Amino acid sequence: MFKDIRDYQILFLSLFLILGIGTRDWTLRPELILIAIATCLVTQSILSLVITKEANINLRSPLITSLGLSLLLRADHGTTMVLAAATAIGSKFVFQTGDKHFFNPANFGIISALALTPDAWVSPGQWGEEWWYGLLFAGTGGMILQRVGRWDTTAAFLGAYSLLEAVRNIWLGWTWDVYLHRLMSGSLILFALFMVTDPRSIPNSPIGRIVWAVCIAIVTFILRNYFFLSTAVFWALFALAPLTILIDNLWFAPRFAWLNKAEIKTENHSLQVNKV
């Protein structure tokens, strides 16, 4: 139906937001959602015109970022949401190498709000542990990942993290319902499908993505189980984002672009010819 994959992301994230408000009784304030959306769109427009001199600005990516912030971040004041949204978009223009940003924008905005303000928080358990949320996320996220070819990243992250939790569960002699309780989290699945797989900021090569995702899983496991940090996945992604630069230099691969399949083949062929 849609030609641009990001249109599916916008549709699914919007549905998740409506679903969360309707079925989870979140204490979401509509004005903060509007503030996040407006700030992301305005910041993207201004920085694109001033820094990159772009006249034709595509607002899909900042809209996706604003929806991600609305789904995950909570705040008491509008200024906190403005800070999160502005730093999220600004990170794409400031922290980049070779025209590629290496911080996930929504993740950067969340960490900025948590670190710089006293009234921001993230509730990793906001989706509860009902199986149908995970099924919904897996189905919609799988559709997008199949189109962008980033299933390896999700599989590596969830596989490594679930293995570490299983070993810990056996070591402590806990029953397997405890293990399932720690894995059946809607927020964890949402993170694995829609945040850690951002094709514009993660490593380009398949082996690089697998190494990177396993490292994030290890850091998440340590932060969650030994430092008792409920927002461990977000801090792990933030801390290891710069590792993308090293990995892209170790394993070369064409950079991802939001193109259709024919255009992707043409671009990849051009890069291979130029390399030769």
C-alpha atoms as a PDB file:
ATOM      1  CA  MET A   1       0.000   0.000   0.000  1.00  0.00           C
ATOM      2  CA  PHE A   2       2.734   2.467   0.981  1.00  0.00           C
ATOM      3  CA  LYS A   3       5.829   3.016  -1.151  1.00  0.00           C
ATOM      4  CA  ASP A   4       7.959   4.329   1.717  1.00  0.00           C
ATOM      5  CA  ILE A   5       8.596   1.903   4.576  1.00  0.00           C
ATOM      6  CA  ARG A   6       8.531   4.771   7.042  1.00  0.00           C
ATOM      7  CA  ASP A   7       4.826   5.252   6.335  1.00  0.00           C
ATOM      8  CA  TYR A   8       4.233   1.802   7.837  1.00  0.00           C
ATOM      9  CA  GLN A   9       6.298   2.768  10.876  1.00  0.00           C
ATOM     10  CA  ILE A  10       4.241   5.921  11.350  1.00  0.00           C
ATOM     11  CA  LEU A  11       1.004   3.943  11.027  1.00  0.00           C
ATOM     12  CA  PHE A  12       2.055   1.200  13.448  1.00  0.00           C
ATOM     13  CA  LEU A  13       3.521   3.534  16.077  1.00  0.00           C
ATOM     14  CA  SER A  14       0.381   5.681  15.933  1.00  0.00           C
ATOM     15  CA  LEU A  15      -1.765   2.582  16.443  1.00  0.00           C
ATOM     16  CA  PHE A  16       0.425   1.510  19.381  1.00  0.00           C
ATOM     17  CA  LEU A  17      -0.059   4.934  20.948  1.00  0.00           C
ATOM     18  CA  ILE A  18      -3.836   4.748  20.547  1.00  0.00           C
ATOM     19  CA  LEU A  19      -3.847   1.153  21.794  1.00  0.00           C
ATOM     20  CA  GLY A  20      -1.773   2.029  24.841  1.00  0.00           C
ATOM     21  CA  ILE A  21      -4.047   4.892  25.795  1.00  0.00           C
ATOM     22  CA  GLY A  22      -7.176   2.825  25.232  1.00  0.00           C
ATOM     23  CA  THR A  23      -6.189  -0.495  26.833  1.00  0.00           C
ATOM     24  CA  ARG A  24      -3.418   0.280  29.329  1.00  0.00           C
ATOM     25  CA  ASP A  25      -4.936   3.437  30.861  1.00  0.00           C
ATOM     26  CA  TRP A  26      -1.686   5.378  30.569  1.00  0.00           C
ATOM     27  CA  THR A  27      -1.483   8.755  32.199  1.00  0.00           C
ATOM     28  CA  LEU A  28      -0.629  10.361  28.878  1.00  0.00           C
ATOM     29  CA  ARG A  29      -1.260  14.043  28.389  1.00  0.00           C
ATOM     30  CA  PRO A  30      -2.332  14.858  24.806  1.00  0.00           C
ATOM     31  CA  GLU A  31      -0.650  18.267  24.950  1.00  0.00           C
ATOM     32  CA  LEU A  32       2.737  16.646  25.612  1.00  0.00           C
ATOM     33  CA  ILE A  33       2.291  14.388  22.593  1.00  0.00           C
ATOM     34  CA  LEU A  34       1.531  17.422  20.438  1.00  0.00           C
ATOM     35  CA  ILE A  35       4.555  19.229  21.895  1.00  0.00           C
ATOM     36  CA  ALA A  36       6.816  16.292  21.028  1.00  0.00           C
ATOM     37  CA  ILE A  37       5.498  16.113  17.463  1.00  0.00           C
ATOM     38  CA  ALA A  38       5.679  19.862  16.867  1.00  0.00           C
ATOM     39  CA  THR A  39       9.175  20.201  18.358  1.00  0.00           C
ATOM     40  CA  CYS A  40      10.573  17.325  16.292  1.00  0.00           C
ATOM     41  CA  LEU A  41       9.097  18.645  13.045  1.00  0.00           C
ATOM     42  CA  VAL A  42      10.177  22.245  13.654  1.00  0.00           C
ATOM     43  CA  THR A  43      13.687  21.271  14.782  1.00  0.00           C
ATOM     44  CA  GLN A  44      14.167  19.038  11.739  1.00  0.00           C
ATOM     45  CA  SER A  45      12.984  21.807   9.403  1.00  0.00           C
ATOM     46  CA  ILE A  46      15.203  24.493  10.924  1.00  0.00           C
ATOM     47  CA  LEU A  47      18.360  22.390  11.130  1.00  0.00           C
ATOM     48  CA  SER A  48      17.867  21.013   7.617  1.00  0.00           C
ATOM     49  CA  LEU A  49      17.583  24.518   6.187  1.00  0.00           C
ATOM     50  CA  VAL A  50      20.456  25.991   8.231  1.00  0.00           C
ATOM     51  CA  ILE A  51      22.976  23.140   8.303  1.00  0.00           C
ATOM     52  CA  THR A  52      22.388  20.950   5.258  1.00  0.00           C
ATOM     53  CA  LYS A  53      20.703  23.630   3.112  1.00  0.00           C
ATOM     54  CA  GLU A  54      17.972  21.203   2.123  1.00  0.00           C
ATOM     55  CA  ALA A  55      14.969  22.781   0.470  1.00  0.00           C
ATOM     56  CA  ASN A  56      12.933  19.590   0.100  1.00  0.00           C
ATOM     57  CA  ILE A  57      12.615  18.332   3.695  1.00  0.00           C
ATOM     58  CA  ASN A  58      11.180  14.865   4.393  1.00  0.00           C
ATOM     59  CA  LEU A  59       9.391  14.947   7.747  1.00  0.00           C
ATOM     60  CA  ARG A  60       8.742  11.212   8.085  1.00  0.00           C
ATOM     61  CA  SER A  61      11.799  10.490  10.247  1.00  0.00           C
ATOM     62  CA  PRO A  62      11.174  13.278  12.811  1.00  0.00           C
ATOM     63  CA  LEU A  63       7.531  12.196  13.016  1.00  0.00           C
ATOM     64  CA  ILE A  64       8.663   8.630  13.782  1.00  0.00           C
ATOM     65  CA  THR A  65      11.010   9.991  16.453  1.00  0.00           C
ATOM     66  CA  SER A  66       8.229  12.034  18.059  1.00  0.00           C
ATOM     67  CA  LEU A  67       5.917   9.011  18.163  1.00  0.00           C
ATOM     68  CA  GLY A  68       8.678   6.933  19.756  1.00  0.00           C
ATOM     69  CA  LEU A  69       9.206   9.577  22.427  1.00  0.00           C
ATOM     70  CA  SER A  70       5.472   9.738  23.086  1.00  0.00           C
ATOM     71  CA  LEU A  71       5.297   5.962  23.514  1.00  0.00           C
ATOM     72  CA  LEU A  72       8.224   5.626  25.902  1.00  0.00           C
ATOM     73  CA  LEU A  73       8.951   8.898  27.700  1.00  0.00           C
ATOM     74  CA  ARG A  74       6.877  10.428  30.486  1.00  0.00           C
ATOM     75  CA  ALA A  75       7.265  13.965  31.842  1.00  0.00           C
ATOM     76  CA  ASP A  76       5.484  16.407  34.116  1.00  0.00           C
ATOM     77  CA  HIS A  77       6.315  19.545  32.165  1.00  0.00           C
ATOM     78  CA  GLY A  78       6.181  20.531  28.516  1.00  0.00           C
ATOM     79  CA  THR A  79       9.706  21.955  28.659  1.00  0.00           C
ATOM     80  CA  THR A  80      11.044  18.476  29.391  1.00  0.00           C
ATOM     81  CA  MET A  81       9.380  17.088  26.280  1.00  0.00           C
ATOM     82  CA  VAL A  82      10.722  20.018  24.249  1.00  0.00           C
ATOM     83  CA  LEU A  83      14.236  19.224  25.495  1.00  0.00           C
ATOM     84  CA  ALA A  84      13.861  15.533  24.649  1.00  0.00           C
ATOM     85  CA  ALA A  85      12.478  16.200  21.163  1.00  0.00           C
ATOM     86  CA  ALA A  86      14.966  18.947  20.287  1.00  0.00           C
ATOM     87  CA  THR A  87      18.018  16.963  21.426  1.00  0.00           C
ATOM     88  CA  ALA A  88      16.702  13.854  19.671  1.00  0.00           C
ATOM     89  CA  ILE A  89      16.583  15.591  16.291  1.00  0.00           C
ATOM     90  CA  GLY A  90      19.690  17.685  16.982  1.00  0.00           C
ATOM     91  CA  SER A  91      21.746  14.546  17.650  1.00  0.00           C
ATOM     92  CA  LYS A  92      21.329  13.533  14.000  1.00  0.00           C
ATOM     93  CA  PHE A  93      23.080  16.693  12.853  1.00  0.00           C
ATOM     94  CA  VAL A  94      25.755  16.877  15.568  1.00  0.00           C
ATOM     95  CA  PHE A  95      26.820  13.272  16.147  1.00  0.00           C
ATOM     96  CA  GLN A  96      27.566  11.904  12.722  1.00  0.00           C
ATOM     97  CA  THR A  97      30.429  10.583  10.677  1.00  0.00           C
ATOM     98  CA  GLY A  98      30.452  10.376   6.897  1.00  0.00           C
ATOM     99  CA  ASP A  99      26.923  11.796   6.722  1.00  0.00           C
ATOM    100  CA  LYS A 100      25.666   9.013   9.009  1.00  0.00           C
ATOM    101  CA  HIS A 101      24.356   9.656  12.522  1.00  0.00           C
ATOM    102  CA  PHE A 102      25.161   6.933  15.024  1.00  0.00           C
ATOM    103  CA  PHE A 103      22.771   7.731  17.886  1.00  0.00           C
ATOM    104  CA  ASN A 104      19.188   6.573  17.635  1.00  0.00           C
ATOM    105  CA  PRO A 105      17.335   9.924  17.849  1.00  0.00           C
ATOM    106  CA  ALA A 106      14.512   8.803  20.153  1.00  0.00           C
ATOM    107  CA  ASN A 107      16.965   7.012  22.415  1.00  0.00           C
ATOM    108  CA  PHE A 108      19.190  10.109  22.591  1.00  0.00           C
ATOM    109  CA  GLY A 109      16.187  12.267  23.498  1.00  0.00           C
ATOM    110  CA  ILE A 110      15.090   9.867  26.228  1.00  0.00           C
ATOM    111  CA  ILE A 111      18.543   9.747  27.801  1.00  0.00           C
ATOM    112  CA  SER A 112      18.878  13.542  27.580  1.00  0.00           C
ATOM    113  CA  ALA A 113      15.594  14.028  29.431  1.00  0.00           C
ATOM    114  CA  LEU A 114      16.474  11.417  32.075  1.00  0.00           C
ATOM    115  CA  ALA A 115      19.927  12.890  32.672  1.00  0.00           C
ATOM    116  CA  LEU A 116      19.156  16.602  32.488  1.00  0.00           C
ATOM    117  CA  THR A 117      15.720  16.977  34.068  1.00  0.00           C
ATOM    118  CA  PRO A 118      14.179  15.897  37.390  1.00  0.00           C
ATOM    119  CA  ASP A 119      10.704  15.055  36.061  1.00  0.00           C
ATOM    120  CA  ALA A 120      11.322  12.604  33.198  1.00  0.00           C
ATOM    121  CA  TRP A 121      10.921   8.861  33.521  1.00  0.00           C
ATOM    122  CA  VAL A 122      10.439   5.720  31.463  1.00  0.00           C
ATOM    123  CA  SER A 123       8.166   2.881  32.477  1.00  0.00           C
ATOM    124  CA  PRO A 124       9.519  -0.312  30.885  1.00  0.00           C
ATOM    125  CA  GLY A 125       6.563  -2.299  32.231  1.00  0.00           C
ATOM    126  CA  GLN A 126       3.884  -0.026  30.828  1.00  0.00           C
ATOM    127  CA  TRP A 127       2.768  -2.658  28.325  1.00  0.00           C
ATOM    128  CA  GLY A 128       2.380  -5.341  30.962  1.00  0.00           C
ATOM    129  CA  GLU A 129       3.117  -8.952  30.042  1.00  0.00           C
ATOM    130  CA  GLU A 130       0.081  -9.974  28.036  1.00  0.00           C
ATOM    131  CA  TRP A 131       1.100 -12.243  25.171  1.00  0.00           C
ATOM    132  CA  TRP A 132      -1.016 -10.535  22.520  1.00  0.00           C
ATOM    133  CA  TYR A 133       0.958  -7.296  22.791  1.00  0.00           C
ATOM    134  CA  GLY A 134       4.128  -9.208  21.967  1.00  0.00           C
ATOM    135  CA  LEU A 135       2.377 -10.936  19.080  1.00  0.00           C
ATOM    136  CA  LEU A 136       1.157  -7.602  17.722  1.00  0.00           C
ATOM    137  CA  PHE A 137       4.622  -6.031  17.970  1.00  0.00           C
ATOM    138  CA  ALA A 138       6.274  -9.071  16.379  1.00  0.00           C
ATOM    139  CA  GLY A 139       3.838  -9.069  13.467  1.00  0.00           C
ATOM    140  CA  THR A 140       4.033  -5.369  12.656  1.00  0.00           C
ATOM    141  CA  GLY A 141       7.746  -5.094  13.432  1.00  0.00           C
ATOM    142  CA  GLY A 142       8.454  -8.194  11.373  1.00  0.00           C
ATOM    143  CA  MET A 143       6.784  -6.613   8.347  1.00  0.00           C
ATOM    144  CA  ILE A 144       9.097  -3.601   8.572  1.00  0.00           C
ATOM    145  CA  LEU A 145      12.237  -5.603   9.318  1.00  0.00           C
ATOM    146  CA  GLN A 146      11.563  -7.870   6.363  1.00  0.00           C
ATOM    147  CA  ARG A 147      11.449  -4.803   4.126  1.00  0.00           C
ATOM    148  CA  VAL A 148      14.611  -3.191   5.491  1.00  0.00           C
ATOM    149  CA  GLY A 149      16.506  -6.457   6.027  1.00  0.00           C
ATOM    150  CA  ARG A 150      17.387  -6.029   9.711  1.00  0.00           C
ATOM    151  CA  TRP A 151      15.996  -9.218  11.255  1.00  0.00           C
ATOM    152  CA  ASP A 152      19.549 -10.270  12.136  1.00  0.00           C
ATOM    153  CA  THR A 153      19.860  -7.410  14.635  1.00  0.00           C
ATOM    154  CA  THR A 154      16.661  -8.280  16.501  1.00  0.00           C
ATOM    155  CA  ALA A 155      17.490 -11.987  16.499  1.00  0.00           C
ATOM    156  CA  ALA A 156      21.018 -11.379  17.800  1.00  0.00           C
ATOM    157  CA  PHE A 157      19.851  -9.042  20.572  1.00  0.00           C
ATOM    158  CA  LEU A 158      16.922 -11.156  21.796  1.00  0.00           C
ATOM    159  CA  GLY A 159      18.857 -14.396  21.366  1.00  0.00           C
ATOM    160  CA  ALA A 160      21.883 -13.220  23.361  1.00  0.00           C
ATOM    161  CA  TYR A 161      19.797 -11.556  26.057  1.00  0.00           C
ATOM    162  CA  SER A 162      17.436 -14.521  26.512  1.00  0.00           C
ATOM    163  CA  LEU A 163      20.428 -16.897  26.708  1.00  0.00           C
ATOM    164  CA  LEU A 164      22.077 -14.804  29.433  1.00  0.00           C
ATOM    165  CA  GLU A 165      18.825 -14.660  31.400  1.00  0.00           C
ATOM    166  CA  ALA A 166      18.401 -18.446  31.024  1.00  0.00           C
ATOM    167  CA  VAL A 167      21.900 -19.128  32.375  1.00  0.00           C
ATOM    168  CA  ARG A 168      21.257 -16.797  35.326  1.00  0.00           C
ATOM    169  CA  ASN A 169      17.892 -18.444  35.969  1.00  0.00           C
ATOM    170  CA  ILE A 170      19.494 -21.908  36.092  1.00  0.00           C
ATOM    171  CA  TRP A 171      22.380 -20.657  38.253  1.00  0.00           C
ATOM    172  CA  LEU A 172      19.974 -19.207  40.832  1.00  0.00           C
ATOM    173  CA  GLY A 173      17.723 -22.259  40.743  1.00  0.00           C
ATOM    174  CA  TRP A 174      14.619 -20.284  39.849  1.00  0.00           C
ATOM    175  CA  THR A 175      11.568 -21.745  38.139  1.00  0.00           C
ATOM    176  CA  TRP A 176      11.044 -21.055  34.462  1.00  0.00           C
ATOM    177  CA  ASP A 177       8.029 -18.860  35.055  1.00  0.00           C
ATOM    178  CA  VAL A 178      10.460 -16.281  36.498  1.00  0.00           C
ATOM    179  CA  TYR A 179      12.470 -16.481  33.292  1.00  0.00           C
ATOM    180  CA  LEU A 180       9.398 -15.962  31.123  1.00  0.00           C
ATOM    181  CA  HIS A 181       8.292 -13.100  33.358  1.00  0.00           C
ATOM    182  CA  ARG A 182      11.561 -11.270  32.651  1.00  0.00           C
ATOM    183  CA  LEU A 183      11.327 -11.789  28.893  1.00  0.00           C
ATOM    184  CA  MET A 184       7.621 -11.311  28.202  1.00  0.00           C
ATOM    185  CA  SER A 185       7.754  -7.561  28.316  1.00  0.00           C
ATOM    186  CA  GLY A 186       6.036  -5.504  25.632  1.00  0.00           C
ATOM    187  CA  SER A 187       8.572  -2.721  26.045  1.00  0.00           C
ATOM    188  CA  LEU A 188      11.517  -5.105  25.556  1.00  0.00           C
ATOM    189  CA  ILE A 189       9.999  -6.471  22.352  1.00  0.00           C
ATOM    190  CA  LEU A 190       9.119  -2.966  21.162  1.00  0.00           C
ATOM    191  CA  PHE A 191      12.724  -1.902  21.770  1.00  0.00           C
ATOM    192  CA  ALA A 192      14.114  -4.956  19.953  1.00  0.00           C
ATOM    193  CA  LEU A 193      11.891  -4.463  16.910  1.00  0.00           C
ATOM    194  CA  PHE A 194      11.676  -0.707  16.485  1.00  0.00           C
ATOM    195  CA  MET A 195      14.608   0.982  18.236  1.00  0.00           C
ATOM    196  CA  VAL A 196      17.695  -1.230  18.171  1.00  0.00           C
ATOM    197  CA  THR A 197      17.029  -1.914  14.474  1.00  0.00           C
ATOM    198  CA  ASP A 198      17.031   1.700  13.217  1.00  0.00           C
ATOM    199  CA  PRO A 199      18.729   1.110   9.821  1.00  0.00           C
ATOM    200  CA  ARG A 200      20.132   4.638   9.581  1.00  0.00           C
ATOM    201  CA  SER A 201      22.129   4.540  12.822  1.00  0.00           C
ATOM    202  CA  ILE A 202      23.158   0.909  13.372  1.00  0.00           C
ATOM    203  CA  PRO A 203      26.166  -0.815  11.699  1.00  0.00           C
ATOM    204  CA  ASN A 204      25.872  -1.372   7.966  1.00  0.00           C
ATOM    205  CA  SER A 205      27.279  -4.906   7.630  1.00  0.00           C
ATOM    206  CA  PRO A 206      25.388  -8.037   8.791  1.00  0.00           C
ATOM    207  CA  ILE A 207      28.278  -9.332  10.922  1.00  0.00           C
ATOM    208  CA  GLY A 208      28.759  -5.865  12.397  1.00  0.00           C
ATOM    209  CA  ARG A 209      25.093  -5.660  13.369  1.00  0.00           C
ATOM    210  CA  ILE A 210      25.238  -9.056  15.057  1.00  0.00           C
ATOM    211  CA  VAL A 211      28.359  -8.171  17.071  1.00  0.00           C
ATOM    212  CA  TRP A 212      26.844  -4.810  18.011  1.00  0.00           C
ATOM    213  CA  ALA A 213      23.488  -6.301  19.065  1.00  0.00           C
ATOM    214  CA  VAL A 214      25.166  -8.972  21.200  1.00  0.00           C
ATOM    215  CA  CYS A 215      27.221  -6.280  22.950  1.00  0.00           C
ATOM    216  CA  ILE A 216      24.047  -4.314  23.707  1.00  0.00           C
ATOM    217  CA  ALA A 217      22.424  -7.469  25.087  1.00  0.00           C
ATOM    218  CA  ILE A 218      25.409  -8.091  27.385  1.00  0.00           C
ATOM    219  CA  VAL A 219      25.463  -4.516  28.696  1.00  0.00           C
ATOM    220  CA  THR A 220      21.680  -4.590  29.169  1.00  0.00           C
ATOM    221  CA  PHE A 221      21.958  -7.812  31.158  1.00  0.00           C
ATOM    222  CA  ILE A 222      24.668  -6.377  33.416  1.00  0.00           C
ATOM    223  CA  LEU A 223      22.884  -3.074  34.020  1.00  0.00           C
ATOM    224  CA  ARG A 224      19.573  -4.740  34.746  1.00  0.00           C
ATOM    225  CA  ASN A 225      20.751  -7.563  36.993  1.00  0.00           C
ATOM    226  CA  TYR A 226      23.766  -6.101  38.786  1.00  0.00           C
ATOM    227  CA  PHE A 227      22.957  -2.381  38.843  1.00  0.00           C
ATOM    228  CA  PHE A 228      19.176  -2.924  39.039  1.00  0.00           C
ATOM    229  CA  LEU A 229      18.504  -0.330  36.352  1.00  0.00           C
ATOM    230  CA  SER A 230      14.970  -0.708  35.005  1.00  0.00           C
ATOM    231  CA  THR A 231      15.820   1.357  31.910  1.00  0.00           C
ATOM    232  CA  ALA A 232      18.897  -0.745  31.138  1.00  0.00           C
ATOM    233  CA  VAL A 233      18.121  -1.265  27.425  1.00  0.00           C
ATOM    234  CA  PHE A 234      18.046   2.476  26.732  1.00  0.00           C
ATOM    235  CA  TRP A 235      21.292   3.186  28.580  1.00  0.00           C
ATOM    236  CA  ALA A 236      23.006   0.230  26.879  1.00  0.00           C
ATOM    237  CA  LEU A 237      22.002   1.447  23.410  1.00  0.00           C
ATOM    238  CA  PHE A 238      23.123   4.977  24.238  1.00  0.00           C
ATOM    239  CA  ALA A 239      26.502   3.865  25.631  1.00  0.00           C
ATOM    240  CA  LEU A 240      27.335   1.581  22.698  1.00  0.00           C
ATOM    241  CA  ALA A 241      26.030   3.767  19.871  1.00  0.00           C
ATOM    242  CA  PRO A 242      29.519   5.193  19.068  1.00  0.00           C
ATOM    243  CA  LEU A 243      30.732   1.606  18.566  1.00  0.00           C
ATOM    244  CA  THR A 244      28.968   1.805  15.198  1.00  0.00           C
ATOM    245  CA  ILE A 245      31.802   3.969  13.877  1.00  0.00           C
ATOM    246  CA  LEU A 246      34.453   1.351  14.671  1.00  0.00           C
ATOM    247  CA  ILE A 247      32.353  -1.525  13.346  1.00  0.00           C
ATOM    248  CA  ASP A 248      31.636   0.233  10.042  1.00  0.00           C
ATOM    249  CA  ASN A 249      35.373   0.708   9.574  1.00  0.00           C
ATOM    250  CA  LEU A 250      36.119  -2.929  10.387  1.00  0.00           C
ATOM    251  CA  TRP A 251      33.428  -4.413   8.141  1.00  0.00           C
ATOM    252  CA  PHE A 252      32.562  -2.386   5.061  1.00  0.00           C
ATOM    253  CA  ALA A 253      29.042  -2.478   3.652  1.00  0.00           C
ATOM    254  CA  PRO A 254      26.848  -0.009   1.738  1.00  0.00           C
ATOM    255  CA  ARG A 255      24.976   2.451   3.908  1.00  0.00           C
ATOM    256  CA  PHE A 256      21.230   1.941   4.186  1.00  0.00           C
ATOM    257  CA  ALA A 257      18.991   4.327   2.243  1.00  0.00           C
ATOM    258  CA  TRP A 258      15.210   4.693   2.249  1.00  0.00           C
ATOM    259  CA  LEU A 259      14.852   3.532  -1.357  1.00  0.00           C
ATOM    260  CA  ASN A 260      12.746   1.014  -3.178  1.00  0.00           C
ATOM    261  CA  LYS A 261      14.273  -2.350  -4.087  1.00  0.00           C
ATOM    262  CA  ALA A 262      15.239  -1.345  -7.627  1.00  0.00           C
ATOM    263  CA  GLU A 263      16.974   1.800  -6.432  1.00  0.00           C
ATOM    264  CA  ILE A 264      18.772  -0.136  -3.665  1.00  0.00           C
ATOM    265  CA  LYS A 265      20.151  -2.616  -6.212  1.00  0.00           C
ATOM    266  CA  THR A 266      21.309   0.249  -8.435  1.00  0.00           C
ATOM    267  CA  GLU A 267      22.987   2.055  -5.527  1.00  0.00           C
ATOM    268  CA  ASN A 268      24.715  -1.112  -4.254  1.00  0.00           C
ATOM    269  CA  HIS A 269      25.960  -1.935  -7.763  1.00  0.00           C
ATOM    270  CA  SER A 270      27.313   1.604  -8.135  1.00  0.00           C
ATOM    271  CA  LEU A 271      29.138   1.364  -4.794  1.00  0.00           C
ATOM    272  CA  GLN A 272      30.682  -1.996  -5.752  1.00  0.00           C
ATOM    273  CA  VAL A 273      31.866  -0.618  -9.120  1.00  0.00           C
ATOM    274  CA  ASN A 274      33.371   2.463  -7.456  1.00  0.00           C
ATOM    275  CA  LYS A 275      35.108   0.302  -4.862  1.00  0.00           C
ATOM    276  CA  VAL A 276      36.687  -1.815  -7.597  1.00  0.00           C
END
